[in-house]
Amino acid sequence: HVDNPRNYLSKLMRYARLVDVRNSISNLEDFARITHDCWAQRIPFGIYNVTNPGSVTTRQVVGLLQKAGLGPKNYEFFESVEAFHRLATCTPRANCVMDSSKLLRAGIRLPSVEESLGDCLRRWQPA
């Protein structure tokens, strides 16, 4: 919820052109709380995907930004992921949807992607 060059929402508001992909996301405050809860509740050791349940596309997040009155009025998108790789980046990006149900089975609840994004946008603090 704080404008920062490493914040996904900040990046979307500043990039001239975006690529529409589906991803899992992690809210930093949720991540910190959840990792503490895992330790405090002594859940079994192992690998856990600490991502907010669900996934979103870039276009969905842009729609939420526009609805909240944040960022530019018009966003431009690459016509495809291939065009993005050809024209804008040298490094492949890892776009993926991760399953956080193992945390839920361990008794750890995370807010959904939609809940977390809504909360971030309501509390947004510009730089």
N, C-alpha and C. Protein backbone atom coordinates (compact mmCIF):
# COMPACT_ATOMS: atom_id res chain seq x y z
N HIS A 1 0.80 -1.20 0.00
CA HIS A 1 0.00 0.00 0.00
C HIS A 1 0.85 1.27 0.00
N VAL A 2 2.17 1.12 -0.04
CA VAL A 2 3.07 2.27 -0.05
C VAL A 2 3.80 2.33 -1.39
N ASP A 3 3.73 3.49 -2.03
CA ASP A 3 4.39 3.69 -3.32
C ASP A 3 5.89 3.48 -3.17
N ASN A 4 6.43 2.57 -3.98
CA ASN A 4 7.85 2.23 -3.90
C ASN A 4 8.25 1.62 -5.24
N PRO A 5 9.46 1.88 -5.72
CA PRO A 5 9.87 1.33 -7.01
C PRO A 5 9.77 -0.20 -7.11
N ARG A 6 9.80 -0.91 -5.99
CA ARG A 6 9.71 -2.37 -6.02
C ARG A 6 8.29 -2.89 -5.81
N ASN A 7 7.35 -1.99 -5.58
CA ASN A 7 5.95 -2.37 -5.37
C ASN A 7 5.30 -2.65 -6.72
N TYR A 8 4.64 -3.80 -6.84
CA TYR A 8 3.99 -4.19 -8.09
C TYR A 8 3.00 -3.13 -8.57
N LEU A 9 2.20 -2.59 -7.67
CA LEU A 9 1.22 -1.57 -8.06
C LEU A 9 1.92 -0.31 -8.56
N SER A 10 3.00 0.08 -7.90
CA SER A 10 3.78 1.25 -8.35
C SER A 10 4.33 1.02 -9.75
N LYS A 11 4.84 -0.17 -9.99
CA LYS A 11 5.39 -0.48 -11.31
C LYS A 11 4.31 -0.37 -12.38
N LEU A 12 3.13 -0.92 -12.11
CA LEU A 12 2.06 -0.85 -13.10
C LEU A 12 1.68 0.60 -13.40
N MET A 13 1.70 1.45 -12.39
CA MET A 13 1.33 2.85 -12.58
C MET A 13 2.39 3.62 -13.38
N ARG A 14 3.62 3.14 -13.40
CA ARG A 14 4.71 3.89 -14.03
C ARG A 14 5.16 3.36 -15.39
N TYR A 15 4.99 2.08 -15.63
CA TYR A 15 5.46 1.53 -16.90
C TYR A 15 4.65 2.11 -18.05
N ALA A 16 5.34 2.40 -19.15
CA ALA A 16 4.68 2.97 -20.32
C ALA A 16 3.78 1.95 -21.01
N ARG A 17 4.18 0.70 -20.97
CA ARG A 17 3.44 -0.35 -21.67
C ARG A 17 3.50 -1.62 -20.82
N LEU A 18 2.38 -2.32 -20.74
CA LEU A 18 2.28 -3.48 -19.87
C LEU A 18 2.03 -4.75 -20.67
N VAL A 19 2.35 -5.88 -20.05
CA VAL A 19 2.03 -7.18 -20.64
C VAL A 19 0.96 -7.82 -19.76
N ASP A 20 -0.07 -8.36 -20.39
CA ASP A 20 -1.19 -8.95 -19.65
C ASP A 20 -0.90 -10.42 -19.38
N VAL A 21 -0.56 -10.73 -18.14
CA VAL A 21 -0.29 -12.10 -17.72
C VAL A 21 -1.00 -12.37 -16.40
N ARG A 22 -1.21 -13.64 -16.11
CA ARG A 22 -1.83 -14.05 -14.85
C ARG A 22 -0.73 -14.46 -13.88
N ASN A 23 -0.85 -13.98 -12.64
CA ASN A 23 0.14 -14.27 -11.61
C ASN A 23 -0.49 -14.39 -10.24
N SER A 24 0.21 -15.07 -9.37
CA SER A 24 -0.06 -14.99 -7.94
C SER A 24 0.66 -13.75 -7.42
N ILE A 25 0.17 -13.21 -6.33
CA ILE A 25 0.87 -12.08 -5.72
C ILE A 25 0.95 -12.30 -4.21
N SER A 26 1.89 -11.64 -3.59
CA SER A 26 2.05 -11.68 -2.14
C SER A 26 2.07 -10.25 -1.62
N ASN A 27 1.19 -9.97 -0.69
CA ASN A 27 1.19 -8.69 -0.01
C ASN A 27 2.25 -8.76 1.08
N LEU A 28 3.16 -7.80 1.12
CA LEU A 28 4.28 -7.84 2.06
C LEU A 28 3.81 -7.92 3.52
N GLU A 29 2.80 -7.14 3.89
CA GLU A 29 2.30 -7.19 5.27
C GLU A 29 1.71 -8.56 5.59
N ASP A 30 0.93 -9.11 4.65
CA ASP A 30 0.37 -10.46 4.84
C ASP A 30 1.50 -11.47 4.97
N PHE A 31 2.51 -11.36 4.10
CA PHE A 31 3.64 -12.29 4.11
C PHE A 31 4.34 -12.27 5.47
N ALA A 32 4.62 -11.08 5.99
CA ALA A 32 5.31 -10.97 7.28
C ALA A 32 4.46 -11.56 8.41
N ARG A 33 3.17 -11.26 8.39
CA ARG A 33 2.27 -11.79 9.44
C ARG A 33 2.20 -13.31 9.35
N ILE A 34 2.06 -13.83 8.14
CA ILE A 34 1.91 -15.27 7.95
C ILE A 34 3.18 -16.02 8.36
N THR A 35 4.34 -15.50 7.97
CA THR A 35 5.57 -16.20 8.35
C THR A 35 5.74 -16.20 9.87
N HIS A 36 5.34 -15.12 10.52
CA HIS A 36 5.37 -15.11 11.99
C HIS A 36 4.38 -16.12 12.55
N ASP A 37 3.16 -16.15 12.00
CA ASP A 37 2.14 -17.10 12.46
C ASP A 37 2.62 -18.55 12.29
N CYS A 38 3.30 -18.83 11.20
CA CYS A 38 3.83 -20.19 10.98
C CYS A 38 4.79 -20.57 12.10
N TRP A 39 5.65 -19.64 12.45
CA TRP A 39 6.60 -19.89 13.53
C TRP A 39 5.87 -20.01 14.87
N ALA A 40 4.97 -19.07 15.16
CA ALA A 40 4.27 -19.05 16.45
C ALA A 40 3.40 -20.29 16.65
N GLN A 41 2.79 -20.78 15.57
CA GLN A 41 1.92 -21.95 15.67
C GLN A 41 2.68 -23.26 15.48
N ARG A 42 3.97 -23.13 15.26
CA ARG A 42 4.83 -24.31 15.11
C ARG A 42 4.29 -25.30 14.08
N ILE A 43 3.91 -24.77 12.92
CA ILE A 43 3.43 -25.67 11.87
C ILE A 43 4.61 -26.52 11.39
N PRO A 44 4.33 -27.68 10.80
CA PRO A 44 5.43 -28.55 10.36
C PRO A 44 6.37 -27.84 9.39
N PHE A 45 7.66 -28.13 9.53
CA PHE A 45 8.63 -27.56 8.61
C PHE A 45 8.34 -28.07 7.20
N GLY A 46 8.68 -27.27 6.22
CA GLY A 46 8.48 -27.66 4.83
C GLY A 46 8.46 -26.44 3.93
N ILE A 47 8.09 -26.68 2.70
CA ILE A 47 8.01 -25.62 1.71
C ILE A 47 6.56 -25.18 1.60
N TYR A 48 6.33 -23.88 1.78
CA TYR A 48 4.99 -23.30 1.70
C TYR A 48 5.02 -22.14 0.70
N ASN A 49 4.01 -22.06 -0.12
CA ASN A 49 3.86 -20.91 -1.02
C ASN A 49 3.09 -19.83 -0.26
N VAL A 50 3.78 -18.79 0.15
CA VAL A 50 3.13 -17.71 0.92
C VAL A 50 2.67 -16.65 -0.07
N THR A 51 1.59 -16.98 -0.76
CA THR A 51 0.95 -16.05 -1.70
C THR A 51 -0.51 -15.93 -1.32
N ASN A 52 -1.08 -14.77 -1.61
CA ASN A 52 -2.50 -14.61 -1.35
C ASN A 52 -3.26 -15.56 -2.27
N PRO A 53 -4.24 -16.31 -1.73
CA PRO A 53 -4.97 -17.27 -2.56
C PRO A 53 -5.64 -16.62 -3.76
N GLY A 54 -5.56 -17.31 -4.89
CA GLY A 54 -6.14 -16.80 -6.12
C GLY A 54 -5.04 -16.23 -7.00
N SER A 55 -5.47 -15.65 -8.09
CA SER A 55 -4.53 -15.03 -9.03
C SER A 55 -5.24 -13.90 -9.74
N VAL A 56 -4.47 -13.04 -10.37
CA VAL A 56 -5.03 -11.91 -11.11
C VAL A 56 -4.23 -11.69 -12.38
N THR A 57 -4.90 -11.09 -13.35
CA THR A 57 -4.20 -10.68 -14.57
C THR A 57 -3.80 -9.21 -14.42
N THR A 58 -2.87 -8.81 -15.23
CA THR A 58 -2.45 -7.41 -15.23
C THR A 58 -3.64 -6.51 -15.53
N ARG A 59 -4.48 -6.90 -16.50
CA ARG A 59 -5.66 -6.09 -16.84
C ARG A 59 -6.63 -5.97 -15.67
N GLN A 60 -6.78 -7.03 -14.89
CA GLN A 60 -7.66 -6.95 -13.72
C GLN A 60 -7.13 -5.94 -12.71
N VAL A 61 -5.83 -5.96 -12.46
CA VAL A 61 -5.23 -5.03 -11.50
C VAL A 61 -5.32 -3.60 -12.04
N VAL A 62 -5.08 -3.41 -13.33
CA VAL A 62 -5.22 -2.09 -13.94
C VAL A 62 -6.65 -1.57 -13.76
N GLY A 63 -7.63 -2.44 -13.93
CA GLY A 63 -9.02 -2.05 -13.72
C GLY A 63 -9.26 -1.58 -12.30
N LEU A 64 -8.68 -2.27 -11.33
CA LEU A 64 -8.82 -1.85 -9.93
C LEU A 64 -8.11 -0.52 -9.68
N LEU A 65 -6.94 -0.34 -10.28
CA LEU A 65 -6.22 0.94 -10.15
C LEU A 65 -7.06 2.08 -10.71
N GLN A 66 -7.63 1.87 -11.88
CA GLN A 66 -8.45 2.91 -12.51
C GLN A 66 -9.69 3.21 -11.67
N LYS A 67 -10.32 2.17 -11.16
CA LYS A 67 -11.50 2.36 -10.31
C LYS A 67 -11.16 3.17 -9.05
N ALA A 68 -9.94 2.98 -8.54
CA ALA A 68 -9.48 3.70 -7.35
C ALA A 68 -8.95 5.09 -7.69
N GLY A 69 -8.89 5.43 -8.98
CA GLY A 69 -8.39 6.74 -9.40
C GLY A 69 -6.88 6.86 -9.31
N LEU A 70 -6.18 5.74 -9.42
CA LEU A 70 -4.72 5.74 -9.33
C LEU A 70 -4.11 5.43 -10.69
N GLY A 71 -2.95 6.00 -10.95
CA GLY A 71 -2.25 5.72 -12.20
C GLY A 71 -2.81 6.51 -13.37
N PRO A 72 -2.27 6.25 -14.56
CA PRO A 72 -2.74 6.97 -15.75
C PRO A 72 -4.16 6.56 -16.13
N LYS A 73 -4.83 7.42 -16.87
CA LYS A 73 -6.20 7.12 -17.31
C LYS A 73 -6.22 5.98 -18.32
N ASN A 74 -5.23 5.96 -19.21
CA ASN A 74 -5.17 4.94 -20.25
C ASN A 74 -3.88 4.15 -20.14
N TYR A 75 -4.01 2.85 -20.18
CA TYR A 75 -2.86 1.96 -20.15
C TYR A 75 -2.69 1.34 -21.53
N GLU A 76 -1.44 1.17 -21.94
CA GLU A 76 -1.15 0.52 -23.21
C GLU A 76 -0.57 -0.86 -22.91
N PHE A 77 -1.02 -1.85 -23.69
CA PHE A 77 -0.57 -3.23 -23.49
C PHE A 77 0.13 -3.75 -24.74
N PHE A 78 1.12 -4.61 -24.52
CA PHE A 78 1.72 -5.34 -25.63
C PHE A 78 0.66 -6.28 -26.19
N GLU A 79 0.75 -6.56 -27.49
CA GLU A 79 -0.25 -7.42 -28.11
C GLU A 79 -0.13 -8.88 -27.68
N SER A 80 1.03 -9.27 -27.16
CA SER A 80 1.22 -10.65 -26.69
C SER A 80 2.44 -10.71 -25.77
N VAL A 81 2.55 -11.83 -25.07
CA VAL A 81 3.72 -12.06 -24.23
C VAL A 81 4.97 -12.15 -25.12
N GLU A 82 4.81 -12.76 -26.29
CA GLU A 82 5.94 -12.88 -27.22
C GLU A 82 6.43 -11.50 -27.66
N ALA A 83 5.50 -10.60 -27.95
CA ALA A 83 5.87 -9.23 -28.34
C ALA A 83 6.59 -8.53 -27.19
N PHE A 84 6.14 -8.75 -25.98
CA PHE A 84 6.79 -8.18 -24.81
C PHE A 84 8.24 -8.66 -24.72
N HIS A 85 8.45 -9.97 -24.87
CA HIS A 85 9.80 -10.53 -24.79
C HIS A 85 10.68 -10.03 -25.94
N ARG A 86 10.10 -9.88 -27.09
CA ARG A 86 10.85 -9.43 -28.26
C ARG A 86 11.24 -7.96 -28.16
N LEU A 87 10.33 -7.12 -27.64
CA LEU A 87 10.52 -5.67 -27.69
C LEU A 87 10.97 -5.02 -26.38
N ALA A 88 10.70 -5.66 -25.25
CA ALA A 88 10.87 -4.93 -23.99
C ALA A 88 11.83 -5.55 -22.98
N THR A 89 12.14 -6.80 -23.10
CA THR A 89 12.97 -7.40 -22.06
C THR A 89 13.97 -8.39 -22.64
N CYS A 90 15.07 -8.49 -21.97
CA CYS A 90 16.09 -9.48 -22.36
C CYS A 90 15.97 -10.73 -21.50
N THR A 91 15.35 -10.57 -20.34
CA THR A 91 15.27 -11.64 -19.37
C THR A 91 13.87 -12.22 -19.33
N PRO A 92 13.72 -13.53 -19.46
CA PRO A 92 12.39 -14.13 -19.35
C PRO A 92 11.80 -13.89 -17.96
N ARG A 93 10.51 -13.72 -17.89
CA ARG A 93 9.82 -13.50 -16.63
C ARG A 93 9.12 -14.79 -16.20
N ALA A 94 9.07 -15.01 -14.90
CA ALA A 94 8.37 -16.17 -14.37
C ALA A 94 6.95 -15.76 -13.99
N ASN A 95 6.02 -16.02 -14.86
CA ASN A 95 4.62 -15.74 -14.56
C ASN A 95 3.98 -17.06 -14.16
N CYS A 96 3.42 -17.10 -12.95
CA CYS A 96 2.87 -18.37 -12.49
C CYS A 96 1.79 -18.14 -11.44
N VAL A 97 0.96 -19.15 -11.30
CA VAL A 97 -0.06 -19.17 -10.26
C VAL A 97 0.37 -20.24 -9.27
N MET A 98 0.53 -19.82 -8.02
CA MET A 98 1.00 -20.74 -6.99
C MET A 98 -0.16 -21.18 -6.09
N ASP A 99 -0.04 -22.37 -5.56
CA ASP A 99 -1.06 -22.95 -4.70
C ASP A 99 -0.67 -22.75 -3.24
N SER A 100 -1.46 -21.98 -2.51
CA SER A 100 -1.16 -21.72 -1.10
C SER A 100 -2.03 -22.56 -0.16
N SER A 101 -2.69 -23.59 -0.69
CA SER A 101 -3.62 -24.38 0.13
C SER A 101 -2.91 -25.16 1.25
N LYS A 102 -1.62 -25.42 1.10
CA LYS A 102 -0.89 -26.13 2.16
C LYS A 102 -0.91 -25.30 3.45
N LEU A 103 -0.81 -23.98 3.33
CA LEU A 103 -0.91 -23.11 4.52
C LEU A 103 -2.28 -23.22 5.16
N LEU A 104 -3.32 -23.21 4.33
CA LEU A 104 -4.69 -23.32 4.84
C LEU A 104 -4.87 -24.65 5.58
N ARG A 105 -4.35 -25.72 5.02
CA ARG A 105 -4.44 -27.03 5.69
C ARG A 105 -3.69 -27.03 7.02
N ALA A 106 -2.68 -26.17 7.15
CA ALA A 106 -1.93 -26.07 8.40
C ALA A 106 -2.60 -25.11 9.39
N GLY A 107 -3.75 -24.54 8.98
CA GLY A 107 -4.48 -23.64 9.88
C GLY A 107 -4.12 -22.17 9.73
N ILE A 108 -3.40 -21.83 8.67
CA ILE A 108 -2.98 -20.45 8.43
C ILE A 108 -3.86 -19.87 7.33
N ARG A 109 -4.52 -18.75 7.62
CA ARG A 109 -5.40 -18.12 6.64
C ARG A 109 -4.79 -16.84 6.10
N LEU A 110 -4.80 -16.72 4.80
CA LEU A 110 -4.36 -15.49 4.13
C LEU A 110 -5.56 -14.86 3.46
N PRO A 111 -5.61 -13.53 3.41
CA PRO A 111 -6.68 -12.88 2.63
C PRO A 111 -6.52 -13.22 1.15
N SER A 112 -7.62 -13.29 0.44
CA SER A 112 -7.57 -13.57 -1.00
C SER A 112 -6.86 -12.43 -1.73
N VAL A 113 -6.48 -12.71 -2.97
CA VAL A 113 -5.86 -11.69 -3.81
C VAL A 113 -6.75 -10.45 -3.88
N GLU A 114 -8.04 -10.67 -4.10
CA GLU A 114 -8.98 -9.55 -4.23
C GLU A 114 -9.07 -8.74 -2.94
N GLU A 115 -9.16 -9.44 -1.80
CA GLU A 115 -9.22 -8.74 -0.50
C GLU A 115 -7.95 -7.92 -0.27
N SER A 116 -6.82 -8.53 -0.53
CA SER A 116 -5.54 -7.87 -0.28
C SER A 116 -5.35 -6.66 -1.18
N LEU A 117 -5.66 -6.81 -2.47
CA LEU A 117 -5.55 -5.67 -3.39
C LEU A 117 -6.49 -4.55 -2.99
N GLY A 118 -7.73 -4.90 -2.64
CA GLY A 118 -8.69 -3.88 -2.21
C GLY A 118 -8.19 -3.11 -1.01
N ASP A 119 -7.63 -3.84 -0.05
CA ASP A 119 -7.09 -3.19 1.15
C ASP A 119 -5.92 -2.27 0.80
N CYS A 120 -5.03 -2.74 -0.06
CA CYS A 120 -3.88 -1.92 -0.48
C CYS A 120 -4.33 -0.64 -1.17
N LEU A 121 -5.31 -0.76 -2.05
CA LEU A 121 -5.76 0.42 -2.79
C LEU A 121 -6.50 1.41 -1.89
N ARG A 122 -7.23 0.91 -0.91
CA ARG A 122 -7.91 1.81 0.05
C ARG A 122 -6.90 2.58 0.90
N ARG A 123 -5.77 1.95 1.20
CA ARG A 123 -4.77 2.56 2.07
C ARG A 123 -3.58 3.14 1.31
N TRP A 124 -3.68 3.26 -0.01
CA TRP A 124 -2.55 3.67 -0.85
C TRP A 124 -1.92 4.97 -0.38
N GLN A 125 -0.59 4.96 -0.26
CA GLN A 125 0.17 6.15 0.14
C GLN A 125 1.14 6.50 -0.98
N PRO A 126 0.86 7.59 -1.71
CA PRO A 126 1.78 7.99 -2.78
C PRO A 126 3.13 8.42 -2.22
N ALA A 127 4.14 8.36 -3.07
CA ALA A 127 5.50 8.76 -2.66
C ALA A 127 5.56 10.26 -2.43
